[in-house]
Amino acid sequence: MKKVALIVIHLACASVLVTAACSNPVKSKLKGSWKSKDGSVKLQITDKNFTMDDGEALDEDYFIKDDTIFTSFEGNQPYTSFVIQKIDDHSLQLMGPDSVAVEYNR
């Protein structure tokens, strides 16, 4: 009887873990293609790259800490920081390293 109870408990725990692992991940509001309101800058954010195309596209690595995006070219320092001022499903407002806020739309 003890073996049956242990097997049932293990199967229940395994099913909970499989259910949690296979659930849909939360969709990030940040990732995707963005275009500035004046149309001069295109921004592409993927899982690994941050690409700002303002005439010269350059893929950069990035990480996010609190409300700030830190980018670096091929992992080199110093990091360039962009502060997220406002974000929702259709608009994004970033303050760049030169303290100028730029609004983007999807």
Foldseek 3Di string as FASTA:
>chain_A
DVVVVVVVVVVVVVVVVVVVVPDDDDDDLPAAWKAFPVRQWIWHHDPAWTWIPNPDTATWGWDDDDQKIWTDRVPDDDTWIWGWPDTDNFKTWIQGSVRDIIIIGD
